[in-house]
Amino acid sequence: HKSPWLVAAFVAECVGLLCRGVLSVAPELFSSTPVLSSVWT
């Protein structure tokens, strides 16, 4: 369907995956940088 809505959804999910990776690899960074939690949400 080549919808820009789907591109937006995919990019957002990539950002969420990146946040999940930071949480897994460096949980102390996640807890010391509250903006990451907001970005994930």
PDB file of all heavy atoms in Angstrom:
ATOM      1  N   HIS A   1       0.779  -1.241   0.000  1.00  0.00           N
ATOM      2  CA  HIS A   1       0.000   0.000   0.000  1.00  0.00           C
ATOM      3  C   HIS A   1       0.811   1.293   0.000  1.00  0.00           C
ATOM      4  O   HIS A   1       0.263   2.351  -0.269  1.00  0.00           O
ATOM      5  CB  HIS A   1      -0.967   0.013   1.190  1.00  0.00           C
ATOM      6  CG  HIS A   1      -1.936  -1.107   1.138  1.00  0.00           C
ATOM      7  ND1 HIS A   1      -3.017  -1.121   0.289  1.00  0.00           N
ATOM      8  CD2 HIS A   1      -1.984  -2.277   1.807  1.00  0.00           C
ATOM      9  CE1 HIS A   1      -3.688  -2.249   0.440  1.00  0.00           C
ATOM     10  NE2 HIS A   1      -3.081  -2.972   1.358  1.00  0.00           N
ATOM     11  N   LYS A   2       2.099   1.247   0.331  1.00  0.00           N
ATOM     12  CA  LYS A   2       2.991   2.420   0.298  1.00  0.00           C
ATOM     13  C   LYS A   2       2.415   3.647   1.019  1.00  0.00           C
ATOM     14  O   LYS A   2       2.546   4.781   0.574  1.00  0.00           O
ATOM     15  CB  LYS A   2       3.315   2.823  -1.144  1.00  0.00           C
ATOM     16  CG  LYS A   2       3.864   1.720  -2.000  1.00  0.00           C
ATOM     17  CD  LYS A   2       5.272   1.360  -1.634  1.00  0.00           C
ATOM     18  CE  LYS A   2       5.865   0.489  -2.720  1.00  0.00           C
ATOM     19  NZ  LYS A   2       6.422  -0.732  -2.288  1.00  0.00           N
ATOM     20  N   SER A   3       1.783   3.447   2.134  1.00  0.00           N
ATOM     21  CA  SER A   3       1.193   4.546   2.894  1.00  0.00           C
ATOM     22  C   SER A   3       2.233   5.218   3.792  1.00  0.00           C
ATOM     23  O   SER A   3       3.002   4.538   4.478  1.00  0.00           O
ATOM     24  CB  SER A   3       0.049   4.016   3.767  1.00  0.00           C
ATOM     25  OG  SER A   3      -0.399   5.016   4.662  1.00  0.00           O
ATOM     26  N   PRO A   4       2.246   6.545   3.831  1.00  0.00           N
ATOM     27  CA  PRO A   4       3.153   7.243   4.745  1.00  0.00           C
ATOM     28  C   PRO A   4       2.828   6.951   6.212  1.00  0.00           C
ATOM     29  O   PRO A   4       3.699   7.052   7.076  1.00  0.00           O
ATOM     30  CB  PRO A   4       2.959   8.720   4.409  1.00  0.00           C
ATOM     31  CG  PRO A   4       1.726   8.809   3.613  1.00  0.00           C
ATOM     32  CD  PRO A   4       1.483   7.473   2.998  1.00  0.00           C
ATOM     33  N   TRP A   5       1.602   6.591   6.495  1.00  0.00           N
ATOM     34  CA  TRP A   5       1.225   6.215   7.860  1.00  0.00           C
ATOM     35  C   TRP A   5       1.998   4.980   8.302  1.00  0.00           C
ATOM     36  O   TRP A   5       2.409   4.875   9.462  1.00  0.00           O
ATOM     37  CB  TRP A   5      -0.274   5.946   7.966  1.00  0.00           C
ATOM     38  CG  TRP A   5      -1.110   7.170   7.858  1.00  0.00           C
ATOM     39  CD1 TRP A   5      -1.877   7.538   6.790  1.00  0.00           C
ATOM     40  CD2 TRP A   5      -1.257   8.197   8.837  1.00  0.00           C
ATOM     41  NE1 TRP A   5      -2.495   8.723   7.060  1.00  0.00           N
ATOM     42  CE2 TRP A   5      -2.136   9.158   8.313  1.00  0.00           C
ATOM     43  CE3 TRP A   5      -0.727   8.397  10.110  1.00  0.00           C
ATOM     44  CZ2 TRP A   5      -2.507  10.292   9.014  1.00  0.00           C
ATOM     45  CZ3 TRP A   5      -1.101   9.533  10.812  1.00  0.00           C
ATOM     46  CH2 TRP A   5      -1.971  10.465  10.265  1.00  0.00           C
ATOM     47  N   LEU A   6       2.185   4.059   7.390  1.00  0.00           N
ATOM     48  CA  LEU A   6       2.935   2.845   7.724  1.00  0.00           C
ATOM     49  C   LEU A   6       4.416   3.142   7.910  1.00  0.00           C
ATOM     50  O   LEU A   6       5.069   2.540   8.761  1.00  0.00           O
ATOM     51  CB  LEU A   6       2.728   1.781   6.644  1.00  0.00           C
ATOM     52  CG  LEU A   6       1.307   1.227   6.556  1.00  0.00           C
ATOM     53  CD1 LEU A   6       1.155   0.338   5.331  1.00  0.00           C
ATOM     54  CD2 LEU A   6       0.948   0.481   7.821  1.00  0.00           C
ATOM     55  N   VAL A   7       4.942   4.081   7.148  1.00  0.00           N
ATOM     56  CA  VAL A   7       6.339   4.491   7.337  1.00  0.00           C
ATOM     57  C   VAL A   7       6.505   5.097   8.726  1.00  0.00           C
ATOM     58  O   VAL A   7       7.462   4.787   9.444  1.00  0.00           O
ATOM     59  CB  VAL A   7       6.779   5.490   6.239  1.00  0.00           C
ATOM     60  CG1 VAL A   7       8.165   6.035   6.530  1.00  0.00           C
ATOM     61  CG2 VAL A   7       6.734   4.830   4.869  1.00  0.00           C
ATOM     62  N   ALA A   8       5.555   5.953   9.111  1.00  0.00           N
ATOM     63  CA  ALA A   8       5.604   6.564  10.442  1.00  0.00           C
ATOM     64  C   ALA A   8       5.538   5.495  11.537  1.00  0.00           C
ATOM     65  O   ALA A   8       6.289   5.556  12.523  1.00  0.00           O
ATOM     66  CB  ALA A   8       4.458   7.560  10.607  1.00  0.00           C
ATOM     67  N   ALA A   9       4.666   4.519  11.358  1.00  0.00           N
ATOM     68  CA  ALA A   9       4.545   3.439  12.348  1.00  0.00           C
ATOM     69  C   ALA A   9       5.837   2.637  12.436  1.00  0.00           C
ATOM     70  O   ALA A   9       6.297   2.296  13.528  1.00  0.00           O
ATOM     71  CB  ALA A   9       3.368   2.521  11.992  1.00  0.00           C
ATOM     72  N   PHE A  10       6.451   2.365  11.295  1.00  0.00           N
ATOM     73  CA  PHE A  10       7.690   1.588  11.287  1.00  0.00           C
ATOM     74  C   PHE A  10       8.828   2.346  11.972  1.00  0.00           C
ATOM     75  O   PHE A  10       9.558   1.786  12.782  1.00  0.00           O
ATOM     76  CB  PHE A  10       8.074   1.225   9.847  1.00  0.00           C
ATOM     77  CG  PHE A  10       9.319   0.397   9.765  1.00  0.00           C
ATOM     78  CD1 PHE A  10       9.274  -0.952  10.060  1.00  0.00           C
ATOM     79  CD2 PHE A  10      10.534   0.962   9.412  1.00  0.00           C
ATOM     80  CE1 PHE A  10      10.429  -1.730   9.998  1.00  0.00           C
ATOM     81  CE2 PHE A  10      11.686   0.208   9.345  1.00  0.00           C
ATOM     82  CZ  PHE A  10      11.636  -1.153   9.647  1.00  0.00           C
ATOM     83  N   VAL A  11       8.969   3.616  11.647  1.00  0.00           N
ATOM     84  CA  VAL A  11      10.027   4.426  12.263  1.00  0.00           C
ATOM     85  C   VAL A  11       9.815   4.504  13.772  1.00  0.00           C
ATOM     86  O   VAL A  11      10.764   4.373  14.551  1.00  0.00           O
ATOM     87  CB  VAL A  11      10.085   5.836  11.627  1.00  0.00           C
ATOM     88  CG1 VAL A  11      10.972   6.773  12.421  1.00  0.00           C
ATOM     89  CG2 VAL A  11      10.549   5.743  10.185  1.00  0.00           C
ATOM     90  N   ALA A  12       8.579   4.699  14.189  1.00  0.00           N
ATOM     91  CA  ALA A  12       8.279   4.761  15.621  1.00  0.00           C
ATOM     92  C   ALA A  12       8.623   3.445  16.310  1.00  0.00           C
ATOM     93  O   ALA A  12       9.169   3.438  17.425  1.00  0.00           O
ATOM     94  CB  ALA A  12       6.802   5.097  15.837  1.00  0.00           C
ATOM     95  N   GLU A  13       8.345   2.343  15.665  1.00  0.00           N
ATOM     96  CA  GLU A  13       8.663   1.041  16.259  1.00  0.00           C
ATOM     97  C   GLU A  13      10.167   0.822  16.317  1.00  0.00           C
ATOM     98  O   GLU A  13      10.676   0.209  17.253  1.00  0.00           O
ATOM     99  CB  GLU A  13       7.975  -0.086  15.487  1.00  0.00           C
ATOM    100  CG  GLU A  13       7.904  -1.379  16.232  1.00  0.00           C
ATOM    101  CD  GLU A  13       7.133  -1.317  17.546  1.00  0.00           C
ATOM    102  OE1 GLU A  13       6.322  -0.403  17.756  1.00  0.00           O
ATOM    103  OE2 GLU A  13       7.357  -2.209  18.382  1.00  0.00           O
ATOM    104  N   CYS A  14      10.886   1.342  15.338  1.00  0.00           N
ATOM    105  CA  CYS A  14      12.362   1.280  15.381  1.00  0.00           C
ATOM    106  C   CYS A  14      12.902   2.061  16.570  1.00  0.00           C
ATOM    107  O   CYS A  14      13.825   1.607  17.256  1.00  0.00           O
ATOM    108  CB  CYS A  14      12.958   1.814  14.084  1.00  0.00           C
ATOM    109  SG  CYS A  14      12.746   0.724  12.670  1.00  0.00           S
ATOM    110  N   VAL A  15      12.329   3.223  16.829  1.00  0.00           N
ATOM    111  CA  VAL A  15      12.746   4.018  17.990  1.00  0.00           C
ATOM    112  C   VAL A  15      12.444   3.248  19.279  1.00  0.00           C
ATOM    113  O   VAL A  15      13.275   3.208  20.189  1.00  0.00           O
ATOM    114  CB  VAL A  15      12.052   5.400  17.989  1.00  0.00           C
ATOM    115  CG1 VAL A  15      12.303   6.150  19.303  1.00  0.00           C
ATOM    116  CG2 VAL A  15      12.516   6.229  16.804  1.00  0.00           C
ATOM    117  N   GLY A  16      11.275   2.627  19.335  1.00  0.00           N
ATOM    118  CA  GLY A  16      10.935   1.814  20.505  1.00  0.00           C
ATOM    119  C   GLY A  16      11.903   0.653  20.688  1.00  0.00           C
ATOM    120  O   GLY A  16      12.295   0.334  21.821  1.00  0.00           O
ATOM    121  N   LEU A  17      12.294   0.038  19.593  1.00  0.00           N
ATOM    122  CA  LEU A  17      13.253  -1.066  19.659  1.00  0.00           C
ATOM    123  C   LEU A  17      14.612  -0.576  20.148  1.00  0.00           C
ATOM    124  O   LEU A  17      15.275  -1.243  20.950  1.00  0.00           O
ATOM    125  CB  LEU A  17      13.386  -1.732  18.286  1.00  0.00           C
ATOM    126  CG  LEU A  17      14.281  -2.959  18.194  1.00  0.00           C
ATOM    127  CD1 LEU A  17      13.763  -4.072  19.092  1.00  0.00           C
ATOM    128  CD2 LEU A  17      14.352  -3.436  16.750  1.00  0.00           C
ATOM    129  N   LEU A  18      15.004   0.595  19.705  1.00  0.00           N
ATOM    130  CA  LEU A  18      16.251   1.190  20.169  1.00  0.00           C
ATOM    131  C   LEU A  18      16.203   1.460  21.678  1.00  0.00           C
ATOM    132  O   LEU A  18      17.154   1.167  22.399  1.00  0.00           O
ATOM    133  CB  LEU A  18      16.533   2.486  19.398  1.00  0.00           C
ATOM    134  CG  LEU A  18      17.827   3.203  19.726  1.00  0.00           C
ATOM    135  CD1 LEU A  18      19.028   2.342  19.352  1.00  0.00           C
ATOM    136  CD2 LEU A  18      17.882   4.528  18.990  1.00  0.00           C
ATOM    137  N   CYS A  19      15.079   1.982  22.157  1.00  0.00           N
ATOM    138  CA  CYS A  19      14.914   2.216  23.601  1.00  0.00           C
ATOM    139  C   CYS A  19      14.975   0.897  24.370  1.00  0.00           C
ATOM    140  O   CYS A  19      15.601   0.816  25.430  1.00  0.00           O
ATOM    141  CB  CYS A  19      13.592   2.919  23.882  1.00  0.00           C
ATOM    142  SG  CYS A  19      13.559   4.646  23.350  1.00  0.00           S
ATOM    143  N   ARG A  20      14.355  -0.125  23.842  1.00  0.00           N
ATOM    144  CA  ARG A  20      14.392  -1.444  24.481  1.00  0.00           C
ATOM    145  C   ARG A  20      15.824  -1.967  24.528  1.00  0.00           C
ATOM    146  O   ARG A  20      16.255  -2.563  25.516  1.00  0.00           O
ATOM    147  CB  ARG A  20      13.501  -2.426  23.707  1.00  0.00           C
ATOM    148  CG  ARG A  20      13.373  -3.788  24.336  1.00  0.00           C
ATOM    149  CD  ARG A  20      12.462  -4.695  23.528  1.00  0.00           C
ATOM    150  NE  ARG A  20      11.247  -4.081  23.053  1.00  0.00           N
ATOM    151  CZ  ARG A  20      10.152  -3.887  23.796  1.00  0.00           C
ATOM    152  NH1 ARG A  20      10.150  -4.249  25.042  1.00  0.00           N
ATOM    153  NH2 ARG A  20       9.078  -3.336  23.275  1.00  0.00           N
ATOM    154  N   GLY A  21      16.577  -1.723  23.484  1.00  0.00           N
ATOM    155  CA  GLY A  21      17.974  -2.139  23.460  1.00  0.00           C
ATOM    156  C   GLY A  21      18.798  -1.418  24.510  1.00  0.00           C
ATOM    157  O   GLY A  21      19.622  -2.024  25.193  1.00  0.00           O
ATOM    158  N   VAL A  22      18.569  -0.110  24.638  1.00  0.00           N
ATOM    159  CA  VAL A  22      19.280   0.654  25.669  1.00  0.00           C
ATOM    160  C   VAL A  22      18.935   0.114  27.052  1.00  0.00           C
ATOM    161  O   VAL A  22      19.816  -0.046  27.899  1.00  0.00           O
ATOM    162  CB  VAL A  22      18.952   2.167  25.576  1.00  0.00           C
ATOM    163  CG1 VAL A  22      19.468   2.922  26.781  1.00  0.00           C
ATOM    164  CG2 VAL A  22      19.516   2.758  24.291  1.00  0.00           C
ATOM    165  N   LEU A  23      17.669  -0.193  27.258  1.00  0.00           N
ATOM    166  CA  LEU A  23      17.249  -0.743  28.552  1.00  0.00           C
ATOM    167  C   LEU A  23      17.919  -2.083  28.829  1.00  0.00           C
ATOM    168  O   LEU A  23      18.316  -2.365  29.959  1.00  0.00           O
ATOM    169  CB  LEU A  23      15.727  -0.897  28.597  1.00  0.00           C
ATOM    170  CG  LEU A  23      15.140  -1.462  29.887  1.00  0.00           C
ATOM    171  CD1 LEU A  23      15.436  -0.543  31.068  1.00  0.00           C
ATOM    172  CD2 LEU A  23      13.648  -1.659  29.744  1.00  0.00           C
ATOM    173  N   SER A  24      18.068  -2.889  27.816  1.00  0.00           N
ATOM    174  CA  SER A  24      18.686  -4.208  27.991  1.00  0.00           C
ATOM    175  C   SER A  24      20.192  -4.123  28.202  1.00  0.00           C
ATOM    176  O   SER A  24      20.748  -4.834  29.031  1.00  0.00           O
ATOM    177  CB  SER A  24      18.413  -5.092  26.772  1.00  0.00           C
ATOM    178  OG  SER A  24      17.047  -5.319  26.631  1.00  0.00           O
ATOM    179  N   VAL A  25      20.849  -3.252  27.440  1.00  0.00           N
ATOM    180  CA  VAL A  25      22.301  -3.177  27.465  1.00  0.00           C
ATOM    181  C   VAL A  25      22.814  -2.285  28.600  1.00  0.00           C
ATOM    182  O   VAL A  25      23.794  -2.622  29.260  1.00  0.00           O
ATOM    183  CB  VAL A  25      22.842  -2.667  26.107  1.00  0.00           C
ATOM    184  CG1 VAL A  25      24.328  -2.430  26.160  1.00  0.00           C
ATOM    185  CG2 VAL A  25      22.488  -3.645  25.006  1.00  0.00           C
ATOM    186  N   ALA A  26      22.150  -1.177  28.810  1.00  0.00           N
ATOM    187  CA  ALA A  26      22.617  -0.211  29.813  1.00  0.00           C
ATOM    188  C   ALA A  26      21.449   0.303  30.649  1.00  0.00           C
ATOM    189  O   ALA A  26      21.025   1.456  30.505  1.00  0.00           O
ATOM    190  CB  ALA A  26      23.330   0.939  29.130  1.00  0.00           C
ATOM    191  N   PRO A  27      20.899  -0.544  31.521  1.00  0.00           N
ATOM    192  CA  PRO A  27      19.737  -0.116  32.313  1.00  0.00           C
ATOM    193  C   PRO A  27      20.019   1.096  33.197  1.00  0.00           C
ATOM    194  O   PRO A  27      19.121   1.890  33.462  1.00  0.00           O
ATOM    195  CB  PRO A  27      19.387  -1.344  33.145  1.00  0.00           C
ATOM    196  CG  PRO A  27      20.530  -2.262  33.038  1.00  0.00           C
ATOM    197  CD  PRO A  27      21.292  -1.895  31.819  1.00  0.00           C
ATOM    198  N   GLU A  28      21.277   1.257  33.613  1.00  0.00           N
ATOM    199  CA  GLU A  28      21.615   2.418  34.441  1.00  0.00           C
ATOM    200  C   GLU A  28      21.467   3.714  33.651  1.00  0.00           C
ATOM    201  O   GLU A  28      21.053   4.740  34.187  1.00  0.00           O
ATOM    202  CB  GLU A  28      23.022   2.297  35.037  1.00  0.00           C
ATOM    203  CG  GLU A  28      24.164   2.325  34.042  1.00  0.00           C
ATOM    204  CD  GLU A  28      24.394   1.040  33.267  1.00  0.00           C
ATOM    205  OE1 GLU A  28      23.860  -0.018  33.658  1.00  0.00           O
ATOM    206  OE2 GLU A  28      25.105   1.094  32.254  1.00  0.00           O
ATOM    207  N   LEU A  29      21.769   3.692  32.356  1.00  0.00           N
ATOM    208  CA  LEU A  29      21.584   4.864  31.508  1.00  0.00           C
ATOM    209  C   LEU A  29      20.105   5.191  31.388  1.00  0.00           C
ATOM    210  O   LEU A  29      19.709   6.354  31.421  1.00  0.00           O
ATOM    211  CB  LEU A  29      22.197   4.620  30.120  1.00  0.00           C
ATOM    212  CG  LEU A  29      22.037   5.749  29.101  1.00  0.00           C
ATOM    213  CD1 LEU A  29      22.753   7.010  29.577  1.00  0.00           C
ATOM    214  CD2 LEU A  29      22.539   5.323  27.754  1.00  0.00           C
ATOM    215  N   PHE A  30      19.301   4.157  31.274  1.00  0.00           N
ATOM    216  CA  PHE A  30      17.860   4.346  31.144  1.00  0.00           C
ATOM    217  C   PHE A  30      17.291   4.974  32.412  1.00  0.00           C
ATOM    218  O   PHE A  30      16.449   5.869  32.341  1.00  0.00           O
ATOM    219  CB  PHE A  30      17.187   2.993  30.860  1.00  0.00           C
ATOM    220  CG  PHE A  30      15.913   3.129  30.090  1.00  0.00           C
ATOM    221  CD1 PHE A  30      15.925   3.175  28.701  1.00  0.00           C
ATOM    222  CD2 PHE A  30      14.695   3.203  30.732  1.00  0.00           C
ATOM    223  CE1 PHE A  30      14.760   3.285  27.978  1.00  0.00           C
ATOM    224  CE2 PHE A  30      13.515   3.332  30.017  1.00  0.00           C
ATOM    225  CZ  PHE A  30      13.551   3.380  28.647  1.00  0.00           C
ATOM    226  N   SER A  31      17.752   4.517  33.572  1.00  0.00           N
ATOM    227  CA  SER A  31      17.226   5.066  34.826  1.00  0.00           C
ATOM    228  C   SER A  31      17.793   6.445  35.143  1.00  0.00           C
ATOM    229  O   SER A  31      17.149   7.246  35.811  1.00  0.00           O
ATOM    230  CB  SER A  31      17.489   4.109  35.983  1.00  0.00           C
ATOM    231  OG  SER A  31      18.877   3.921  36.157  1.00  0.00           O
ATOM    232  N   SER A  32      18.991   6.750  34.652  1.00  0.00           N
ATOM    233  CA  SER A  32      19.582   8.063  34.923  1.00  0.00           C
ATOM    234  C   SER A  32      19.156   9.125  33.908  1.00  0.00           C
ATOM    235  O   SER A  32      19.419  10.307  34.102  1.00  0.00           O
ATOM    236  CB  SER A  32      21.108   7.962  34.957  1.00  0.00           C
ATOM    237  OG  SER A  32      21.611   7.676  33.668  1.00  0.00           O
ATOM    238  N   THR A  33      18.524   8.704  32.839  1.00  0.00           N
ATOM    239  CA  THR A  33      18.068   9.638  31.804  1.00  0.00           C
ATOM    240  C   THR A  33      16.561   9.447  31.606  1.00  0.00           C
ATOM    241  O   THR A  33      16.125   8.677  30.753  1.00  0.00           O
ATOM    242  CB  THR A  33      18.811   9.379  30.471  1.00  0.00           C
ATOM    243  OG1 THR A  33      20.200   9.250  30.734  1.00  0.00           O
ATOM    244  CG2 THR A  33      18.579  10.483  29.478  1.00  0.00           C
ATOM    245  N   PRO A  34      15.761  10.155  32.415  1.00  0.00           N
ATOM    246  CA  PRO A  34      14.306   9.945  32.360  1.00  0.00           C
ATOM    247  C   PRO A  34      13.678  10.264  30.998  1.00  0.00           C
ATOM    248  O   PRO A  34      12.615   9.746  30.679  1.00  0.00           O
ATOM    249  CB  PRO A  34      13.753  10.864  33.442  1.00  0.00           C
ATOM    250  CG  PRO A  34      14.879  11.635  33.992  1.00  0.00           C
ATOM    251  CD  PRO A  34      16.149  11.134  33.409  1.00  0.00           C
ATOM    252  N   VAL A  35      14.348  11.063  30.182  1.00  0.00           N
ATOM    253  CA  VAL A  35      13.786  11.394  28.875  1.00  0.00           C
ATOM    254  C   VAL A  35      13.670  10.148  27.993  1.00  0.00           C
ATOM    255  O   VAL A  35      12.786  10.069  27.124  1.00  0.00           O
ATOM    256  CB  VAL A  35      14.598  12.522  28.191  1.00  0.00           C
ATOM    257  CG1 VAL A  35      15.932  12.007  27.689  1.00  0.00           C
ATOM    258  CG2 VAL A  35      13.808  13.152  27.067  1.00  0.00           C
ATOM    259  N   LEU A  36      14.528   9.164  28.211  1.00  0.00           N
ATOM    260  CA  LEU A  36      14.446   7.926  27.416  1.00  0.00           C
ATOM    261  C   LEU A  36      13.111   7.214  27.627  1.00  0.00           C
ATOM    262  O   LEU A  36      12.529   6.677  26.687  1.00  0.00           O
ATOM    263  CB  LEU A  36      15.604   6.990  27.753  1.00  0.00           C
ATOM    264  CG  LEU A  36      16.965   7.390  27.209  1.00  0.00           C
ATOM    265  CD1 LEU A  36      18.043   6.437  27.698  1.00  0.00           C
ATOM    266  CD2 LEU A  36      16.950   7.446  25.697  1.00  0.00           C
ATOM    267  N   SER A  37      12.643   7.225  28.852  1.00  0.00           N
ATOM    268  CA  SER A  37      11.348   6.610  29.142  1.00  0.00           C
ATOM    269  C   SER A  37      10.226   7.342  28.407  1.00  0.00           C
ATOM    270  O   SER A  37       9.303   6.724  27.872  1.00  0.00           O
ATOM    271  CB  SER A  37      11.098   6.622  30.653  1.00  0.00           C
ATOM    272  OG  SER A  37       9.865   6.047  30.953  1.00  0.00           O
ATOM    273  N   SER A  38      10.321   8.666  28.383  1.00  0.00           N
ATOM    274  CA  SER A  38       9.317   9.455  27.659  1.00  0.00           C
ATOM    275  C   SER A  38       9.390   9.194  26.160  1.00  0.00           C
ATOM    276  O   SER A  38       8.358   9.090  25.491  1.00  0.00           O
ATOM    277  CB  SER A  38       9.529  10.946  27.928  1.00  0.00           C
ATOM    278  OG  SER A  38       9.352  11.221  29.294  1.00  0.00           O
ATOM    279  N   VAL A  39      10.596   9.094  25.634  1.00  0.00           N
ATOM    280  CA  VAL A  39      10.768   8.810  24.200  1.00  0.00           C
ATOM    281  C   VAL A  39      10.155   7.456  23.865  1.00  0.00           C
ATOM    282  O   VAL A  39       9.480   7.302  22.838  1.00  0.00           O
ATOM    283  CB  VAL A  39      12.269   8.859  23.809  1.00  0.00           C
ATOM    284  CG1 VAL A  39      12.501   8.274  22.430  1.00  0.00           C
ATOM    285  CG2 VAL A  39      12.779  10.282  23.880  1.00  0.00           C
ATOM    286  N   TRP A  40      10.367   6.465  24.737  1.00  0.00           N
ATOM    287  CA  TRP A  40       9.816   5.136  24.508  1.00  0.00           C
ATOM    288  C   TRP A  40       8.292   5.177  24.483  1.00  0.00           C
ATOM    289  O   TRP A  40       7.648   4.608  23.597  1.00  0.00           O
ATOM    290  CB  TRP A  40      10.319   4.189  25.592  1.00  0.00           C
ATOM    291  CG  TRP A  40      10.170   2.733  25.274  1.00  0.00           C
ATOM    292  CD1 TRP A  40       9.623   2.164  24.167  1.00  0.00           C
ATOM    293  CD2 TRP A  40      10.585   1.648  26.082  1.00  0.00           C
ATOM    294  NE1 TRP A  40       9.675   0.799  24.235  1.00  0.00           N
ATOM    295  CE2 TRP A  40      10.271   0.457  25.419  1.00  0.00           C
ATOM    296  CE3 TRP A  40      11.211   1.571  27.322  1.00  0.00           C
ATOM    297  CZ2 TRP A  40      10.533  -0.795  25.940  1.00  0.00           C
ATOM    298  CZ3 TRP A  40      11.484   0.316  27.840  1.00  0.00           C
ATOM    299  CH2 TRP A  40      11.149  -0.847  27.150  1.00  0.00           C
ATOM    300  N   THR A  41       7.711   5.882  25.445  1.00  0.00           N
ATOM    301  CA  THR A  41       6.257   6.002  25.500  1.00  0.00           C
ATOM    302  C   THR A  41       5.722   6.740  24.274  1.00  0.00           C
ATOM    303  O   THR A  41       4.724   6.331  23.669  1.00  0.00           O
ATOM    304  CB  THR A  41       5.831   6.731  26.784  1.00  0.00           C
ATOM    305  OG1 THR A  41       6.309   5.992  27.909  1.00  0.00           O
ATOM    306  CG2 THR A  41       4.323   6.867  26.877  1.00  0.00           C
TER     307      THR A  41
END
